[in-house]
Amino acid sequence: MEIATSSQHWQHQKKTCLGMMLVCFSGFLGSALIGASFSIQRDKF
């Protein structure tokens, strides 16, 4: 019983960690895209 609970808790922790990584990755990607578009606009004008 204890083993199952701890494994469930670990799975939940893993999911949370993956979610945080996804959020960080998407945020990094978004900022990179925004920076690229800004630099392109600056070159045009």
Protein backbone atom coordinates (compact mmCIF):
# COMPACT_ATOMS: atom_id res chain seq x y z
CA MET A 1 0.00 0.00 0.00
CA GLU A 2 2.74 2.44 0.98
CA ILE A 3 4.76 1.63 -2.13
CA ALA A 4 1.77 2.30 -4.42
CA THR A 5 1.08 5.65 -2.74
CA SER A 6 4.72 6.77 -3.01
CA SER A 7 4.87 5.72 -6.67
CA GLN A 8 1.65 7.65 -7.34
CA HIS A 9 3.12 10.69 -5.58
CA TRP A 10 6.29 10.37 -7.68
CA GLN A 11 4.25 10.14 -10.89
CA HIS A 12 2.35 13.30 -9.88
CA GLN A 13 5.65 15.05 -9.13
CA LYS A 14 7.01 13.96 -12.50
CA LYS A 15 3.93 15.34 -14.28
CA THR A 16 4.27 18.65 -12.43
CA CYS A 17 7.97 18.83 -13.33
CA LEU A 18 7.19 18.12 -16.98
CA GLY A 19 4.49 20.79 -16.97
CA MET A 20 6.87 23.35 -15.51
CA MET A 21 9.50 22.45 -18.10
CA LEU A 22 6.90 22.83 -20.84
CA VAL A 23 5.87 26.27 -19.54
CA CYS A 24 9.51 27.39 -19.28
CA PHE A 25 10.27 26.06 -22.77
CA SER A 26 7.23 27.73 -24.35
CA GLY A 27 8.06 30.98 -22.57
CA PHE A 28 11.66 30.84 -23.80
CA LEU A 29 10.45 30.05 -27.33
CA GLY A 30 7.92 32.89 -27.24
CA SER A 31 10.46 35.44 -26.05
CA ALA A 32 12.91 34.27 -28.73
CA LEU A 33 10.23 34.65 -31.43
CA ILE A 34 9.28 38.11 -30.16
CA GLY A 35 12.94 39.15 -30.09
CA ALA A 36 13.46 37.85 -33.64
CA SER A 37 10.39 39.70 -34.96
CA PHE A 38 11.52 42.90 -33.21
CA SER A 39 14.99 42.68 -34.73
CA ILE A 40 13.47 42.06 -38.18
CA GLN A 41 11.20 45.09 -37.79
CA ARG A 42 14.16 47.21 -36.72
CA ASP A 43 16.10 46.14 -39.81
CA LYS A 44 13.17 47.03 -42.09
CA PHE A 45 12.65 50.55 -40.76
